[in-house]
Protein backbone atom coordinates (compact mmCIF):
# COMPACT_ATOMS: atom_id res chain seq x y z
CA UNK A 1 -13.66 -19.28 -8.30
CA UNK A 2 -9.94 -19.96 -8.13
CA UNK A 3 -8.71 -23.27 -6.75
CA UNK A 4 -5.53 -23.81 -4.79
CA UNK A 5 -4.20 -27.36 -4.19
CA UNK A 6 -1.92 -26.01 -1.46
CA UNK A 7 -4.45 -24.01 0.54
CA UNK A 8 -8.05 -24.55 1.62
CA UNK A 9 -10.29 -21.84 0.18
CA UNK A 10 -13.65 -20.88 1.64
CA UNK A 11 -16.43 -21.03 -0.99
CA UNK A 12 -18.46 -18.41 0.89
CA UNK A 13 -15.80 -15.71 0.78
CA UNK A 14 -13.02 -16.70 -1.63
CA UNK A 15 -14.18 -15.64 -5.09
CA UNK A 16 -10.80 -14.98 -6.67
CA UNK A 17 -10.32 -14.78 -10.43
CA UNK A 18 -6.52 -14.70 -10.22
CA UNK A 19 -3.76 -17.01 -8.87
CA UNK A 20 -3.73 -17.53 -5.10
CA UNK A 21 -0.33 -19.13 -4.47
CA UNK A 22 2.54 -16.85 -3.44
CA UNK A 23 5.67 -17.17 -5.63
CA UNK A 24 8.08 -17.73 -2.71
CA UNK A 25 7.87 -20.39 -0.04
CA UNK A 26 7.44 -18.27 3.06
CA UNK A 27 5.62 -19.42 6.21
CA UNK A 28 2.18 -17.92 6.53
CA UNK A 29 1.91 -16.88 2.90
CA UNK A 30 -0.88 -18.22 0.64
CA UNK A 31 -0.13 -21.72 -0.57
CA UNK A 32 2.61 -22.20 2.03
CA UNK A 33 0.69 -22.29 5.30
CA UNK A 34 0.86 -24.87 8.07
CA UNK A 35 -2.15 -26.66 9.51
CA UNK A 36 -1.85 -24.44 12.58
CA UNK A 37 -1.93 -21.31 10.42
CA UNK A 38 -4.93 -22.60 8.50
CA UNK A 39 -6.64 -23.20 11.82
CA UNK A 40 -5.84 -19.60 12.83
CA UNK A 41 -7.55 -18.35 9.66
CA UNK A 42 -10.67 -20.35 10.50
CA UNK A 43 -10.61 -19.20 14.12
CA UNK A 44 -10.20 -15.53 13.22
CA UNK A 45 -12.96 -15.66 10.62
CA UNK A 46 -15.33 -17.46 12.99
CA UNK A 47 -14.72 -14.95 15.78
CA UNK A 48 -15.37 -12.04 13.42
CA UNK A 49 -18.54 -13.67 12.08
CA UNK A 50 -19.78 -14.10 15.62
CA UNK A 51 -19.28 -10.36 16.12
CA UNK A 52 -21.41 -9.64 13.09
CA UNK A 53 -18.68 -8.95 10.53
CA UNK A 54 -19.72 -9.91 6.98
CA UNK A 55 -17.23 -8.26 4.63
CA UNK A 56 -13.53 -8.81 3.80
CA UNK A 57 -13.40 -12.23 5.47
CA UNK A 58 -11.68 -13.95 2.56
CA UNK A 59 -8.65 -16.12 3.21
CA UNK A 60 -6.02 -13.80 1.70
CA UNK A 61 -7.20 -10.89 3.85
CA UNK A 62 -7.30 -13.04 6.97
CA UNK A 63 -3.73 -14.17 6.31
CA UNK A 64 -2.46 -10.62 5.81
CA UNK A 65 -3.84 -9.49 9.17
CA UNK A 66 -2.55 -12.64 10.87
CA UNK A 67 0.96 -12.19 9.44
CA UNK A 68 0.94 -8.57 10.58
CA UNK A 69 0.39 -9.76 14.14
CA UNK A 70 2.58 -12.88 14.05
CA UNK A 71 -0.49 -15.16 13.90
CA UNK A 72 -1.74 -13.99 17.28
CA UNK A 73 -5.46 -14.41 16.63
CA UNK A 74 -6.62 -12.00 19.33
CA UNK A 75 -4.28 -9.22 18.20
CA UNK A 76 -5.22 -9.86 14.58
CA UNK A 77 -8.91 -9.63 15.47
CA UNK A 78 -8.33 -6.33 17.26
CA UNK A 79 -6.41 -4.95 14.26
CA UNK A 80 -9.12 -6.05 11.83
CA UNK A 81 -11.96 -4.62 13.90
CA UNK A 82 -10.17 -1.28 14.27
CA UNK A 83 -9.66 -1.28 10.51
CA UNK A 84 -13.36 -1.92 9.88
CA UNK A 85 -14.35 0.87 12.24
CA UNK A 86 -12.03 3.26 10.40
CA UNK A 87 -13.34 2.11 7.00
CA UNK A 88 -16.91 2.88 8.07
CA UNK A 89 -16.00 6.40 9.19
CA UNK A 90 -13.28 7.71 6.89
CA UNK A 91 -14.48 9.93 4.05
CA UNK A 92 -18.10 8.89 4.52
CA UNK A 93 -17.09 5.23 4.23
CA UNK A 94 -14.17 3.85 2.25
CA UNK A 95 -16.36 1.58 0.12
CA UNK A 96 -18.34 4.61 -1.05
CA UNK A 97 -15.28 6.84 -1.33
CA UNK A 98 -13.48 4.58 -3.78
CA UNK A 99 -16.53 4.53 -6.06
CA UNK A 100 -17.20 8.27 -6.03
CA UNK A 101 -13.98 10.17 -5.34
CA UNK A 102 -13.02 12.61 -8.10
CA UNK A 103 -9.50 14.01 -7.67
CA UNK A 104 -9.85 16.63 -10.39
CA UNK A 105 -7.01 18.72 -8.96
CA UNK A 106 -4.57 15.81 -9.30
CA UNK A 107 -2.34 17.32 -12.06
CA UNK A 108 -1.87 20.52 -10.04
CA UNK A 109 -1.20 18.58 -6.82
CA UNK A 110 1.42 16.42 -8.49
CA UNK A 111 3.47 19.50 -9.36
CA UNK A 112 4.23 19.80 -5.63
CA UNK A 113 3.78 16.21 -4.42
CA UNK A 114 4.20 13.46 -7.04
CA UNK A 115 2.97 10.05 -5.84
CA UNK A 116 1.87 7.47 -8.37
CA UNK A 117 1.81 3.84 -9.54
CA UNK A 118 3.71 3.12 -12.73
CA UNK A 119 4.19 -0.24 -14.47
CA UNK A 120 5.90 -3.18 -12.68
CA UNK A 121 9.22 -4.41 -11.30
CA UNK A 122 11.02 -7.58 -12.41
CA UNK A 123 8.88 -9.65 -10.06
CA UNK A 124 5.71 -8.33 -11.68
CA UNK A 125 4.65 -6.12 -8.77
CA UNK A 126 3.27 -2.59 -9.18
CA UNK A 127 5.91 0.12 -8.80
CA UNK A 128 4.89 3.00 -6.54
CA UNK A 129 6.82 6.27 -6.75
CA UNK A 130 6.79 9.07 -4.20
CA UNK A 131 8.90 12.23 -4.39
CA UNK A 132 9.05 13.83 -0.97
CA UNK A 133 11.54 16.55 -1.87
CA UNK A 134 9.00 18.41 -3.96
CA UNK A 135 6.42 18.75 -1.18
CA UNK A 136 5.25 22.32 -0.64
CA UNK A 137 2.24 22.19 1.66
CA UNK A 138 1.69 25.93 1.46
CA UNK A 139 1.12 25.78 -2.27
CA UNK A 140 -0.72 22.46 -2.04
CA UNK A 141 -3.24 23.95 0.37
CA UNK A 142 -4.03 26.64 -2.19
CA UNK A 143 -5.05 23.83 -4.56
CA UNK A 144 -6.58 21.20 -2.28
CA UNK A 145 -6.87 20.18 1.38
CA UNK A 146 -5.01 17.71 3.57
CA UNK A 147 -8.23 15.71 3.85
CA UNK A 148 -8.58 15.34 0.09
CA UNK A 149 -4.93 14.32 -0.24
CA UNK A 150 -5.52 11.63 2.39
CA UNK A 151 -8.70 10.53 0.66
CA UNK A 152 -6.77 10.19 -2.59
CA UNK A 153 -4.15 8.13 -0.74
CA UNK A 154 -6.85 5.76 0.52
CA UNK A 155 -8.54 5.48 -2.89
CA UNK A 156 -5.17 4.58 -4.45
CA UNK A 157 -4.61 1.93 -1.76
CA UNK A 158 -8.00 0.45 -2.62
CA UNK A 159 -7.19 0.47 -6.34
CA UNK A 160 -3.80 -1.07 -5.61
CA UNK A 161 -5.56 -3.97 -3.86
CA UNK A 162 -8.08 -4.24 -6.70
CA UNK A 163 -7.67 -3.99 -9.70
CA UNK A 164 -3.87 -3.43 -9.78
CA UNK A 165 -2.57 -6.44 -7.85
CA UNK A 166 -5.04 -8.96 -9.35
CA UNK A 167 -4.05 -7.86 -12.88
CA UNK A 168 -0.37 -8.18 -12.00
CA UNK A 169 -1.04 -11.63 -10.52
CA UNK A 170 -2.77 -12.81 -13.68
CA UNK A 171 0.13 -11.64 -15.82
CA UNK A 172 2.76 -13.14 -13.48
CA UNK A 173 0.90 -16.44 -13.05
CA UNK A 174 1.25 -16.29 -9.26
CA UNK A 175 -0.22 -14.30 -6.38
CA UNK A 176 1.29 -10.84 -5.92
CA UNK A 177 0.20 -8.98 -2.79
CA UNK A 178 2.86 -6.29 -2.45
CA UNK A 179 4.39 -3.33 -4.24
CA UNK A 180 7.89 -2.13 -5.04
CA UNK A 181 8.23 1.40 -3.69
CA UNK A 182 10.67 4.07 -4.84
CA UNK A 183 10.90 6.89 -2.32
CA UNK A 184 12.89 9.82 -3.69
CA UNK A 185 14.34 12.09 -0.98
CA UNK A 186 16.04 14.47 -3.39
CA UNK A 187 15.58 17.97 -2.00
CA UNK A 188 14.44 16.82 1.43
CA UNK A 189 16.02 18.86 4.21
CA UNK A 190 15.46 19.82 7.82
CA UNK A 191 13.71 23.02 6.71
CA UNK A 192 10.80 21.03 5.28
CA UNK A 193 10.45 18.59 8.17
CA UNK A 194 8.24 20.74 10.40
CA UNK A 195 6.04 21.82 7.52
CA UNK A 196 4.96 18.34 6.49
CA UNK A 197 5.27 16.46 9.78
CA UNK A 198 1.62 16.62 10.83
CA UNK A 199 0.24 15.53 7.48
CA UNK A 200 2.70 12.67 7.10
CA UNK A 201 1.95 11.45 10.63
CA UNK A 202 -1.68 10.91 9.70
CA UNK A 203 -0.82 9.31 6.38
CA UNK A 204 1.66 6.85 7.88
CA UNK A 205 -0.95 5.72 10.41
CA UNK A 206 -3.36 4.83 7.61
CA UNK A 207 -0.77 2.73 5.82
CA UNK A 208 0.52 0.92 8.88
CA UNK A 209 -2.77 0.20 10.60
CA UNK A 210 -5.23 -0.39 7.78
CA UNK A 211 -3.24 -1.79 4.84
CA UNK A 212 -0.87 -4.37 6.38
CA UNK A 213 1.50 -6.60 4.45
CA UNK A 214 1.60 -4.50 1.29
CA UNK A 215 5.30 -3.60 1.16
CA UNK A 216 7.46 -5.83 -1.03
CA UNK A 217 10.61 -3.76 -1.47
CA UNK A 218 11.42 -0.17 -0.58
CA UNK A 219 14.19 1.78 -2.31
CA UNK A 220 14.98 5.06 -0.57
CA UNK A 221 16.97 6.97 -3.17
CA UNK A 222 18.88 10.26 -3.03
CA UNK A 223 19.06 9.80 0.74
CA UNK A 224 20.71 12.93 2.21
CA UNK A 225 23.92 12.88 4.19
CA UNK A 226 23.35 11.40 7.62
CA UNK A 227 20.17 9.53 6.73
CA UNK A 228 21.89 6.13 6.77
CA UNK A 229 23.06 6.79 10.31
CA UNK A 230 19.56 7.73 11.43
CA UNK A 231 18.10 4.66 9.75
CA UNK A 232 20.67 2.37 11.38
CA UNK A 233 19.22 3.44 14.73
CA UNK A 234 15.57 3.19 13.63
CA UNK A 235 15.95 -0.29 12.14
CA UNK A 236 16.88 -1.74 15.52
CA UNK A 237 13.22 -1.32 16.44
CA UNK A 238 11.84 -2.78 13.21
CA UNK A 239 11.04 -6.40 12.50
CA UNK A 240 13.95 -8.11 10.68
CA UNK A 241 11.55 -9.15 7.91
CA UNK A 242 10.75 -5.48 7.31
CA UNK A 243 14.39 -4.35 7.47
CA UNK A 244 15.31 -6.87 4.77
CA UNK A 245 12.90 -5.13 2.38
CA UNK A 246 14.50 -1.69 2.73
CA UNK A 247 17.40 -0.41 0.64
CA UNK A 248 18.80 3.01 1.57
CA UNK A 249 20.71 4.47 -1.37
CA UNK A 250 22.36 7.81 -2.09
CA UNK A 251 22.63 9.52 -5.45
CA UNK A 252 24.38 6.48 -6.96
CA UNK A 253 21.27 4.35 -6.83
CA UNK A 254 20.69 3.57 -10.49
CA UNK A 255 22.47 0.23 -10.85
CA UNK A 256 20.75 -1.31 -7.82
CA UNK A 257 17.37 0.13 -8.72
CA UNK A 258 17.66 -1.14 -12.30
CA UNK A 259 18.43 -4.55 -10.85
CA UNK A 260 14.83 -4.61 -9.61
CA UNK A 261 12.92 -2.44 -12.10
CA UNK A 262 13.31 -3.03 -15.86
CA UNK A 263 14.82 -0.05 -17.63
CA UNK A 264 11.85 0.19 -19.98
CA UNK A 265 9.50 0.46 -16.98
CA UNK A 266 11.49 2.99 -14.95
CA UNK A 267 10.73 6.69 -15.58
CA UNK A 268 13.61 8.45 -17.30
CA UNK A 269 14.13 10.88 -14.42
CA UNK A 270 15.29 7.91 -12.31
CA UNK A 271 17.61 6.47 -14.96
CA UNK A 272 15.15 4.41 -16.97
CA UNK A 273 13.95 4.68 -20.55
CA UNK A 274 10.24 5.23 -19.94
CA UNK A 275 8.77 8.49 -21.20
CA UNK A 276 4.99 8.07 -21.16
CA UNK A 277 3.03 10.46 -23.32
CA UNK A 278 1.80 13.18 -21.00
CA UNK A 279 4.26 12.11 -18.31
CA UNK A 280 4.71 8.93 -16.29
CA UNK A 281 3.17 10.56 -13.21
CA UNK A 282 -0.31 10.70 -14.72
CA UNK A 283 -0.21 7.70 -17.08
CA UNK A 284 -1.16 4.96 -14.57
CA UNK A 285 0.40 2.48 -17.00
CA UNK A 286 0.53 -1.17 -15.97
CA UNK A 287 -1.14 -4.59 -16.44
CA UNK A 288 -4.25 -3.14 -14.79
CA UNK A 289 -4.82 -1.12 -17.99
CA UNK A 290 -4.14 -4.01 -20.35
CA UNK A 291 -7.34 -5.78 -21.50
CA UNK A 292 -5.47 -9.08 -21.50
CA UNK A 293 -5.02 -8.94 -17.71
CA UNK A 294 -7.41 -6.31 -16.39
CA UNK A 295 -10.86 -7.06 -15.01
CA UNK A 296 -13.35 -4.80 -13.22
CA UNK A 297 -12.62 -4.41 -9.52
CA UNK A 298 -15.05 -5.95 -7.04
CA UNK A 299 -15.97 -2.47 -5.80
CA UNK A 300 -16.83 -1.42 -9.37
CA UNK A 301 -19.29 -4.29 -9.66
CA UNK A 302 -21.15 -3.18 -6.56
CA UNK A 303 -22.13 0.11 -8.19
CA UNK A 304 -22.66 3.51 -6.62
CA UNK A 305 -25.36 3.26 -3.98
CA UNK A 306 -24.63 5.89 -1.31
CA UNK A 307 -22.69 9.00 -2.36
CA UNK A 308 -19.77 10.19 -0.28
CA UNK A 309 -20.49 13.43 1.56
CA UNK A 310 -18.16 16.29 2.37
CA UNK A 311 -19.46 16.36 5.94
CA UNK A 312 -17.53 13.17 6.64
CA UNK A 313 -14.22 14.32 5.18
CA UNK A 314 -11.36 13.65 7.54
CA UNK A 315 -13.29 11.58 10.04
CA UNK A 316 -11.73 8.42 11.40
CA UNK A 317 -8.15 9.71 11.25
CA UNK A 318 -5.58 7.98 13.44
CA UNK A 319 -4.10 10.12 16.22
CA UNK A 320 -0.76 11.79 15.42
CA UNK A 321 1.35 9.13 17.11
CA UNK A 322 3.51 8.19 14.16
CA UNK A 323 6.69 9.54 12.69
CA UNK A 324 6.69 11.11 9.21
CA UNK A 325 5.89 8.87 6.31
CA UNK A 326 3.22 7.25 4.24
CA UNK A 327 2.75 5.68 0.85
CA UNK A 328 3.82 2.07 0.31
CA UNK A 329 6.87 2.25 2.50
CA UNK A 330 7.25 5.15 4.86
CA UNK A 331 5.28 3.37 7.56
CA UNK A 332 8.38 1.28 8.28
CA UNK A 333 9.94 4.39 9.78
CA UNK A 334 6.86 5.18 11.77
CA UNK A 335 6.79 2.90 14.78
CA UNK A 336 9.91 2.53 16.90
CA UNK A 337 8.39 -0.02 19.22
CA UNK A 338 6.20 -3.14 18.98
CA UNK A 339 7.64 -4.37 15.65
CA UNK A 340 5.15 -5.13 12.94
CA UNK A 341 5.90 -6.74 9.60
CA UNK A 342 4.81 -5.13 6.36
């Protein structure tokens, strides 16, 4: 088990095999908490235990939910319990889904909706790429279903949490809990908005409600004319911490993007030098595939016990109360009230 001289770890739940101190001194982040925040972790965990919760009560998870609700223990408890309820219902149970999901249609889907993790940024975090301009739901629905696309989204979130981020943390020598997202809007226009709105509403709800505190930086590139004006209105309703993570760029994005992502790690279509054999979209290259840093995920160690069933596909979806967006970043555009940090 990892030790942390700056943070009290719980031997019952904290079985980390990677660094647990955040690289930057930010209040509420692992290794930089106050006594009051440590007490909030203990209080939240105790309340959840009393309600019969047994899983995902480790300190890093508790802190993420507490930060997402400004260390209001009651609101954090409500968010966590709603997340657990969703996890038990979605796709026959998220724990089973991540072990058994087979996205065999992935190469065909990516022709119309590329979304993938690829190597790391200069801070060592996974880079997540999403190209919204290529979305064609009509053609996608001839290949797959909205439910399977959402299930793939959830499985990738789970793999981002483990094994991707732990491997990146081992390589960086410090705790990394977030991703660097590149959201490419090239080709996005009003004509496509209505077509994808419903699907993206559901996806953004999953990201915002059930995977808090996972956004490190968000680069919105090839933003169409007028987008900056729209965003200037939206950001008034976002938490300042979230706004500081977002960079809205037009077609001249390369210099700023390369300031965060090494040229050798950035796919060539975005101005980098990387040309993975078979394409960057499907390579899944990163520290999580390097034997020096990679270790089996906790969910892999549990083994396959209960198979996911098609009868549960799509259950547990959030209501369509969110604006378009998903992935590791679009949720920041989702909620125009009740600011939440990500």
